[in-house]
Amino acid sequence: MFAATCIHCQKPFQHKHYNRQNTAKFCSIYCYNTYRHILYFCMQCQKPFHKCPAKIKSGARFCSSKCSNIYRKIVGEPNRPKLLTCLYCNENFRPSRNRDYEPQFCSLACSVRYRIKPIDKRFWSKVNIVKNRSSCWVWNGALSSLGYGSFNFNGVTKRAHRISYEFTYGPILPSIHVLHQCDNSRCVRPSHLKLGGNSDNMRDAWERGRSKRKPWGSSRDNGSES
């Protein structure tokens, strides 16, 4: 038996050890827990208990889940956050206590979906819309190698003037071309667009000097390459 002094209660005690370099420092488990942990008092049963500070985010209030459930049923939660409504899914949720503001969304997914613009608003935000009836609506977004506006429509890159026509008049077949009447490849104004076939597209390109090969059929004054 070897004599030692507890570093917590300062009382002498005797212990057995086989390694003289690691002598005992505490006389009991209670002194060890009190010294290493923080002593709390349960709000329900008023009994002392220990909790490690590294394992809790805030002050511990209950010694067990049983005392916690009994306390919440009888007394209720005095500082419990009130129910809020999500702006995206309209579901009720209760925020956490460690926030100094009232959140507007119940989750990160709802926040991202709410802030993403609809595809039509995202499209028209890239167009320079003017009030003049005869002026072109110039596309300010990305351009293709041929000078036509391009837009990512549901994961597929399409030409901007074709999407503008579909937004205004409805969907069209893939084999149908959308032609420019104003001869401006960046124009997406629906009134300056018209439908045509492949022969109409090639005829307009030849009449405006963009093709050296003369197509069959009569010449036309209006139109542009799709």
C-alpha atoms as a PDB file:
ATOM      1  CA  MET A   1       0.000   0.000   0.000  1.00  0.00           C
ATOM      2  CA  PHE A   2       1.204   3.491  -0.834  1.00  0.00           C
ATOM      3  CA  ALA A   3       0.080   6.809   0.633  1.00  0.00           C
ATOM      4  CA  ALA A   4      -1.108   9.668  -1.592  1.00  0.00           C
ATOM      5  CA  THR A   5      -3.156  12.859  -1.409  1.00  0.00           C
ATOM      6  CA  CYS A   6      -6.269  13.493  -3.505  1.00  0.00           C
ATOM      7  CA  ILE A   7      -5.805  16.577  -5.682  1.00  0.00           C
ATOM      8  CA  HIS A   8      -9.511  17.406  -5.417  1.00  0.00           C
ATOM      9  CA  CYS A   9     -10.498  16.984  -1.739  1.00  0.00           C
ATOM     10  CA  GLN A  10      -6.937  17.156  -0.399  1.00  0.00           C
ATOM     11  CA  LYS A  11      -7.515  14.079   1.764  1.00  0.00           C
ATOM     12  CA  PRO A  12      -4.842  11.388   2.200  1.00  0.00           C
ATOM     13  CA  PHE A  13      -5.639   7.896   0.962  1.00  0.00           C
ATOM     14  CA  GLN A  14      -3.869   4.617   0.306  1.00  0.00           C
ATOM     15  CA  HIS A  15      -3.736   2.817  -2.984  1.00  0.00           C
ATOM     16  CA  LYS A  16      -2.012  -0.013  -4.802  1.00  0.00           C
ATOM     17  CA  HIS A  17      -0.052   0.534  -7.968  1.00  0.00           C
ATOM     18  CA  TYR A  18       2.565  -1.294  -9.955  1.00  0.00           C
ATOM     19  CA  ASN A  19       4.073   1.635 -11.820  1.00  0.00           C
ATOM     20  CA  ARG A  20       5.603   4.267  -9.603  1.00  0.00           C
ATOM     21  CA  GLN A  21       5.594   6.868 -12.411  1.00  0.00           C
ATOM     22  CA  ASN A  22       1.772   6.912 -12.608  1.00  0.00           C
ATOM     23  CA  THR A  23       0.659   7.327  -9.023  1.00  0.00           C
ATOM     24  CA  ALA A  24      -3.051   7.654  -8.123  1.00  0.00           C
ATOM     25  CA  LYS A  25      -4.360  11.233  -7.980  1.00  0.00           C
ATOM     26  CA  PHE A  26      -7.964  10.778  -6.776  1.00  0.00           C
ATOM     27  CA  CYS A  27      -9.330   8.957  -3.789  1.00  0.00           C
ATOM     28  CA  SER A  28     -12.650   8.008  -5.454  1.00  0.00           C
ATOM     29  CA  ILE A  29     -14.612   8.097  -8.678  1.00  0.00           C
ATOM     30  CA  TYR A  30     -16.706  10.961  -7.289  1.00  0.00           C
ATOM     31  CA  CYS A  31     -13.612  13.143  -6.847  1.00  0.00           C
ATOM     32  CA  TYR A  32     -12.438  12.203 -10.317  1.00  0.00           C
ATOM     33  CA  ASN A  33     -15.787  13.117 -11.929  1.00  0.00           C
ATOM     34  CA  THR A  34     -16.064  16.324  -9.926  1.00  0.00           C
ATOM     35  CA  TYR A  35     -12.558  17.355 -10.843  1.00  0.00           C
ATOM     36  CA  ARG A  36     -12.722  16.435 -14.545  1.00  0.00           C
ATOM     37  CA  HIS A  37     -16.363  17.284 -15.182  1.00  0.00           C
ATOM     38  CA  ILE A  38     -18.794  20.029 -14.214  1.00  0.00           C
ATOM     39  CA  LEU A  39     -21.312  19.450 -11.467  1.00  0.00           C
ATOM     40  CA  TYR A  40     -24.933  20.260 -12.417  1.00  0.00           C
ATOM     41  CA  PHE A  41     -28.255  20.037 -10.591  1.00  0.00           C
ATOM     42  CA  CYS A  42     -31.277  18.507 -12.255  1.00  0.00           C
ATOM     43  CA  MET A  43     -34.219  20.912 -12.649  1.00  0.00           C
ATOM     44  CA  GLN A  44     -36.725  18.116 -12.035  1.00  0.00           C
ATOM     45  CA  CYS A  45     -35.341  15.912  -9.227  1.00  0.00           C
ATOM     46  CA  GLN A  46     -32.797  18.440  -7.856  1.00  0.00           C
ATOM     47  CA  LYS A  47     -30.088  15.774  -7.711  1.00  0.00           C
ATOM     48  CA  PRO A  48     -26.471  16.568  -8.589  1.00  0.00           C
ATOM     49  CA  PHE A  49     -24.979  14.985 -11.698  1.00  0.00           C
ATOM     50  CA  HIS A  50     -21.829  15.383 -13.764  1.00  0.00           C
ATOM     51  CA  LYS A  51     -21.450  16.176 -17.423  1.00  0.00           C
ATOM     52  CA  CYS A  52     -18.335  16.574 -19.509  1.00  0.00           C
ATOM     53  CA  PRO A  53     -18.134  20.137 -20.926  1.00  0.00           C
ATOM     54  CA  ALA A  54     -16.837  18.836 -24.274  1.00  0.00           C
ATOM     55  CA  LYS A  55     -19.981  16.744 -24.854  1.00  0.00           C
ATOM     56  CA  ILE A  56     -22.627  19.431 -24.331  1.00  0.00           C
ATOM     57  CA  LYS A  57     -23.273  22.670 -26.213  1.00  0.00           C
ATOM     58  CA  SER A  58     -24.948  24.522 -23.371  1.00  0.00           C
ATOM     59  CA  GLY A  59     -25.564  24.007 -19.652  1.00  0.00           C
ATOM     60  CA  ALA A  60     -27.077  20.624 -18.815  1.00  0.00           C
ATOM     61  CA  ARG A  61     -30.477  20.904 -17.091  1.00  0.00           C
ATOM     62  CA  PHE A  62     -31.589  17.309 -16.559  1.00  0.00           C
ATOM     63  CA  CYS A  63     -29.824  14.240 -15.244  1.00  0.00           C
ATOM     64  CA  SER A  64     -31.722  11.883 -17.578  1.00  0.00           C
ATOM     65  CA  SER A  65     -34.215  11.851 -20.420  1.00  0.00           C
ATOM     66  CA  LYS A  66     -36.911  10.707 -17.980  1.00  0.00           C
ATOM     67  CA  CYS A  67     -36.564  13.890 -15.889  1.00  0.00           C
ATOM     68  CA  SER A  68     -36.496  15.948 -19.074  1.00  0.00           C
ATOM     69  CA  ASN A  69     -39.793  14.483 -20.333  1.00  0.00           C
ATOM     70  CA  ILE A  70     -41.489  14.893 -16.948  1.00  0.00           C
ATOM     71  CA  TYR A  71     -40.375  18.514 -16.678  1.00  0.00           C
ATOM     72  CA  ARG A  72     -41.603  19.419 -20.172  1.00  0.00           C
ATOM     73  CA  LYS A  73     -44.991  17.831 -19.601  1.00  0.00           C
ATOM     74  CA  ILE A  74     -45.613  19.503 -16.213  1.00  0.00           C
ATOM     75  CA  VAL A  75     -43.882  22.893 -16.457  1.00  0.00           C
ATOM     76  CA  GLY A  76     -43.519  23.287 -20.193  1.00  0.00           C
ATOM     77  CA  GLU A  77     -40.682  24.941 -22.035  1.00  0.00           C
ATOM     78  CA  PRO A  78     -40.337  28.575 -20.847  1.00  0.00           C
ATOM     79  CA  ASN A  79     -38.018  29.744 -23.640  1.00  0.00           C
ATOM     80  CA  ARG A  80     -39.213  27.437 -26.378  1.00  0.00           C
ATOM     81  CA  PRO A  81     -39.140  29.103 -29.840  1.00  0.00           C
ATOM     82  CA  LYS A  82     -42.488  29.746 -31.438  1.00  0.00           C
ATOM     83  CA  LEU A  83     -43.715  28.016 -34.573  1.00  0.00           C
ATOM     84  CA  LEU A  84     -42.829  29.649 -37.871  1.00  0.00           C
ATOM     85  CA  THR A  85     -44.040  29.050 -41.428  1.00  0.00           C
ATOM     86  CA  CYS A  86     -41.636  28.251 -44.257  1.00  0.00           C
ATOM     87  CA  LEU A  87     -41.860  30.647 -47.202  1.00  0.00           C
ATOM     88  CA  TYR A  88     -41.371  27.865 -49.751  1.00  0.00           C
ATOM     89  CA  CYS A  89     -43.260  24.762 -48.556  1.00  0.00           C
ATOM     90  CA  ASN A  90     -45.641  26.560 -46.125  1.00  0.00           C
ATOM     91  CA  GLU A  91     -44.909  23.952 -43.432  1.00  0.00           C
ATOM     92  CA  ASN A  92     -44.705  24.881 -39.749  1.00  0.00           C
ATOM     93  CA  PHE A  93     -41.326  24.426 -38.068  1.00  0.00           C
ATOM     94  CA  ARG A  94     -39.645  25.366 -34.807  1.00  0.00           C
ATOM     95  CA  PRO A  95     -36.153  26.912 -35.076  1.00  0.00           C
ATOM     96  CA  SER A  96     -33.274  26.126 -32.763  1.00  0.00           C
ATOM     97  CA  ARG A  97     -32.569  28.198 -29.647  1.00  0.00           C
ATOM     98  CA  ASN A  98     -29.086  29.332 -30.643  1.00  0.00           C
ATOM     99  CA  ARG A  99     -30.350  31.775 -33.307  1.00  0.00           C
ATOM    100  CA  ASP A 100     -30.721  35.487 -32.736  1.00  0.00           C
ATOM    101  CA  TYR A 101     -33.110  35.912 -35.689  1.00  0.00           C
ATOM    102  CA  GLU A 102     -36.222  34.256 -37.033  1.00  0.00           C
ATOM    103  CA  PRO A 103     -35.396  32.022 -40.015  1.00  0.00           C
ATOM    104  CA  GLN A 104     -37.645  32.136 -43.058  1.00  0.00           C
ATOM    105  CA  PHE A 105     -37.123  28.562 -44.253  1.00  0.00           C
ATOM    106  CA  CYS A 106     -37.411  25.195 -42.542  1.00  0.00           C
ATOM    107  CA  SER A 107     -34.364  23.728 -44.299  1.00  0.00           C
ATOM    108  CA  LEU A 108     -31.487  24.580 -46.616  1.00  0.00           C
ATOM    109  CA  ALA A 109     -33.231  22.849 -49.527  1.00  0.00           C
ATOM    110  CA  CYS A 110     -36.264  25.132 -49.227  1.00  0.00           C
ATOM    111  CA  SER A 111     -33.986  28.168 -49.037  1.00  0.00           C
ATOM    112  CA  VAL A 112     -32.151  27.205 -52.248  1.00  0.00           C
ATOM    113  CA  ARG A 113     -35.357  26.353 -54.138  1.00  0.00           C
ATOM    114  CA  TYR A 114     -36.968  29.640 -53.099  1.00  0.00           C
ATOM    115  CA  ARG A 115     -34.021  31.761 -54.243  1.00  0.00           C
ATOM    116  CA  ILE A 116     -33.634  30.059 -57.632  1.00  0.00           C
ATOM    117  CA  LYS A 117     -35.510  32.075 -60.260  1.00  0.00           C
ATOM    118  CA  PRO A 118     -38.069  30.356 -62.500  1.00  0.00           C
ATOM    119  CA  ILE A 119     -36.763  29.532 -65.924  1.00  0.00           C
ATOM    120  CA  ASP A 120     -38.867  32.174 -67.685  1.00  0.00           C
ATOM    121  CA  LYS A 121     -37.727  34.964 -65.336  1.00  0.00           C
ATOM    122  CA  ARG A 122     -34.122  33.814 -65.689  1.00  0.00           C
ATOM    123  CA  PHE A 123     -34.471  33.926 -69.473  1.00  0.00           C
ATOM    124  CA  TRP A 124     -36.047  37.373 -69.766  1.00  0.00           C
ATOM    125  CA  SER A 125     -33.544  38.857 -67.316  1.00  0.00           C
ATOM    126  CA  LYS A 126     -30.901  38.375 -70.034  1.00  0.00           C
ATOM    127  CA  VAL A 127     -32.915  40.298 -72.650  1.00  0.00           C
ATOM    128  CA  ASN A 128     -32.727  44.039 -73.249  1.00  0.00           C
ATOM    129  CA  ILE A 129     -36.452  44.793 -73.611  1.00  0.00           C
ATOM    130  CA  VAL A 130     -37.308  48.196 -75.098  1.00  0.00           C
ATOM    131  CA  LYS A 131     -40.710  49.878 -75.339  1.00  0.00           C
ATOM    132  CA  ASN A 132     -40.367  50.825 -79.008  1.00  0.00           C
ATOM    133  CA  ARG A 133     -42.585  48.563 -81.111  1.00  0.00           C
ATOM    134  CA  SER A 134     -40.136  48.254 -84.003  1.00  0.00           C
ATOM    135  CA  SER A 135     -36.881  47.855 -82.077  1.00  0.00           C
ATOM    136  CA  CYS A 136     -35.224  44.504 -81.474  1.00  0.00           C
ATOM    137  CA  TRP A 137     -34.935  42.828 -78.095  1.00  0.00           C
ATOM    138  CA  VAL A 138     -31.221  42.092 -77.981  1.00  0.00           C
ATOM    139  CA  TRP A 139     -29.993  38.998 -76.165  1.00  0.00           C
ATOM    140  CA  ASN A 140     -27.291  39.863 -73.595  1.00  0.00           C
ATOM    141  CA  GLY A 141     -26.452  36.307 -72.536  1.00  0.00           C
ATOM    142  CA  ALA A 142     -24.145  33.694 -74.009  1.00  0.00           C
ATOM    143  CA  LEU A 143     -23.654  33.472 -77.779  1.00  0.00           C
ATOM    144  CA  SER A 144     -22.950  30.535 -80.036  1.00  0.00           C
ATOM    145  CA  SER A 145     -20.146  30.370 -82.592  1.00  0.00           C
ATOM    146  CA  LEU A 146     -22.562  31.657 -85.283  1.00  0.00           C
ATOM    147  CA  GLY A 147     -23.608  34.690 -83.233  1.00  0.00           C
ATOM    148  CA  TYR A 148     -26.984  33.407 -82.021  1.00  0.00           C
ATOM    149  CA  GLY A 149     -28.004  33.593 -78.380  1.00  0.00           C
ATOM    150  CA  SER A 150     -27.799  30.334 -76.425  1.00  0.00           C
ATOM    151  CA  PHE A 151     -29.616  29.402 -73.238  1.00  0.00           C
ATOM    152  CA  ASN A 152     -29.588  26.335 -70.975  1.00  0.00           C
ATOM    153  CA  PHE A 153     -33.172  25.102 -70.988  1.00  0.00           C
ATOM    154  CA  ASN A 154     -33.652  22.227 -68.495  1.00  0.00           C
ATOM    155  CA  GLY A 155     -30.124  20.941 -69.046  1.00  0.00           C
ATOM    156  CA  VAL A 156     -30.221  21.318 -72.856  1.00  0.00           C
ATOM    157  CA  THR A 157     -28.556  24.240 -74.644  1.00  0.00           C
ATOM    158  CA  LYS A 158     -30.932  25.834 -77.151  1.00  0.00           C
ATOM    159  CA  ARG A 159     -30.937  29.000 -79.189  1.00  0.00           C
ATOM    160  CA  ALA A 160     -32.449  31.952 -77.385  1.00  0.00           C
ATOM    161  CA  HIS A 161     -34.782  33.121 -80.153  1.00  0.00           C
ATOM    162  CA  ARG A 162     -36.287  29.638 -80.407  1.00  0.00           C
ATOM    163  CA  ILE A 163     -36.997  29.552 -76.659  1.00  0.00           C
ATOM    164  CA  SER A 164     -38.523  33.041 -76.866  1.00  0.00           C
ATOM    165  CA  TYR A 165     -40.916  31.853 -79.569  1.00  0.00           C
ATOM    166  CA  GLU A 166     -41.898  28.793 -77.514  1.00  0.00           C
ATOM    167  CA  PHE A 167     -42.519  30.920 -74.408  1.00  0.00           C
ATOM    168  CA  THR A 168     -44.866  33.171 -76.377  1.00  0.00           C
ATOM    169  CA  TYR A 169     -46.672  30.884 -78.811  1.00  0.00           C
ATOM    170  CA  GLY A 170     -46.147  27.400 -77.402  1.00  0.00           C
ATOM    171  CA  PRO A 171     -43.920  24.401 -78.250  1.00  0.00           C
ATOM    172  CA  ILE A 172     -42.891  23.651 -81.826  1.00  0.00           C
ATOM    173  CA  LEU A 173     -41.531  20.587 -83.598  1.00  0.00           C
ATOM    174  CA  PRO A 174     -37.739  20.093 -83.741  1.00  0.00           C
ATOM    175  CA  SER A 175     -37.847  20.016 -87.560  1.00  0.00           C
ATOM    176  CA  ILE A 176     -39.380  23.516 -87.737  1.00  0.00           C
ATOM    177  CA  HIS A 177     -36.997  26.489 -87.901  1.00  0.00           C
ATOM    178  CA  VAL A 178     -37.553  29.867 -86.224  1.00  0.00           C
ATOM    179  CA  LEU A 179     -36.589  32.627 -88.660  1.00  0.00           C
ATOM    180  CA  HIS A 180     -35.697  36.259 -88.022  1.00  0.00           C
ATOM    181  CA  GLN A 181     -37.632  38.908 -89.934  1.00  0.00           C
ATOM    182  CA  CYS A 182     -35.323  41.680 -88.707  1.00  0.00           C
ATOM    183  CA  ASP A 183     -32.082  39.976 -89.850  1.00  0.00           C
ATOM    184  CA  ASN A 184     -30.607  40.330 -86.332  1.00  0.00           C
ATOM    185  CA  SER A 185     -29.251  37.064 -84.998  1.00  0.00           C
ATOM    186  CA  ARG A 186     -29.319  38.309 -81.370  1.00  0.00           C
ATOM    187  CA  CYS A 187     -32.930  39.478 -81.503  1.00  0.00           C
ATOM    188  CA  VAL A 188     -35.412  37.456 -79.421  1.00  0.00           C
ATOM    189  CA  ARG A 189     -38.498  39.626 -79.820  1.00  0.00           C
ATOM    190  CA  PRO A 190     -41.448  37.307 -80.587  1.00  0.00           C
ATOM    191  CA  SER A 191     -43.003  39.708 -83.115  1.00  0.00           C
ATOM    192  CA  HIS A 192     -39.761  39.622 -85.160  1.00  0.00           C
ATOM    193  CA  LEU A 193     -39.793  35.825 -85.404  1.00  0.00           C
ATOM    194  CA  LYS A 194     -41.653  33.444 -87.683  1.00  0.00           C
ATOM    195  CA  LEU A 195     -41.720  29.749 -88.449  1.00  0.00           C
ATOM    196  CA  GLY A 196     -40.339  28.153 -91.580  1.00  0.00           C
ATOM    197  CA  GLY A 197     -38.863  25.008 -93.039  1.00  0.00           C
ATOM    198  CA  ASN A 198     -35.316  24.158 -94.012  1.00  0.00           C
ATOM    199  CA  SER A 199     -35.846  25.432 -97.562  1.00  0.00           C
ATOM    200  CA  ASP A 200     -37.086  28.780 -96.221  1.00  0.00           C
ATOM    201  CA  ASN A 201     -34.049  29.016 -93.998  1.00  0.00           C
ATOM    202  CA  MET A 202     -31.601  28.343 -96.860  1.00  0.00           C
ATOM    203  CA  ARG A 203     -33.440  30.775 -99.150  1.00  0.00           C
ATOM    204  CA  ASP A 204     -33.216  33.586 -96.615  1.00  0.00           C
ATOM    205  CA  ALA A 205     -29.511  32.889 -96.070  1.00  0.00           C
ATOM    206  CA  TRP A 206     -28.831  33.169 -99.836  1.00  0.00           C
ATOM    207  CA  GLU A 207     -30.858  36.363-100.288  1.00  0.00           C
ATOM    208  CA  ARG A 208     -28.977  38.073 -97.446  1.00  0.00           C
ATOM    209  CA  GLY A 209     -25.538  37.043 -98.662  1.00  0.00           C
ATOM    210  CA  ARG A 210     -24.737  34.368 -96.095  1.00  0.00           C
ATOM    211  CA  SER A 211     -24.785  31.497 -98.591  1.00  0.00           C
ATOM    212  CA  LYS A 212     -23.212  31.237-102.074  1.00  0.00           C
ATOM    213  CA  ARG A 213     -25.476  28.443-103.225  1.00  0.00           C
ATOM    214  CA  LYS A 214     -28.794  29.579-104.689  1.00  0.00           C
ATOM    215  CA  PRO A 215     -31.660  27.380-103.505  1.00  0.00           C
ATOM    216  CA  TRP A 216     -34.580  26.306-105.616  1.00  0.00           C
ATOM    217  CA  GLY A 217     -37.749  28.383-105.520  1.00  0.00           C
ATOM    218  CA  SER A 218     -38.700  32.022-105.613  1.00  0.00           C
ATOM    219  CA  SER A 219     -36.745  34.678-103.673  1.00  0.00           C
ATOM    220  CA  ARG A 220     -38.001  36.188-100.431  1.00  0.00           C
ATOM    221  CA  ASP A 221     -37.161  39.532 -98.854  1.00  0.00           C
ATOM    222  CA  ASN A 222     -37.688  38.706 -95.176  1.00  0.00           C
ATOM    223  CA  GLY A 223     -36.314  36.014 -92.911  1.00  0.00           C
ATOM    224  CA  SER A 224     -33.063  34.938 -91.398  1.00  0.00           C
ATOM    225  CA  GLU A 225     -31.159  31.845 -90.485  1.00  0.00           C
ATOM    226  CA  SER A 226     -32.493  30.019 -87.443  1.00  0.00           C
END
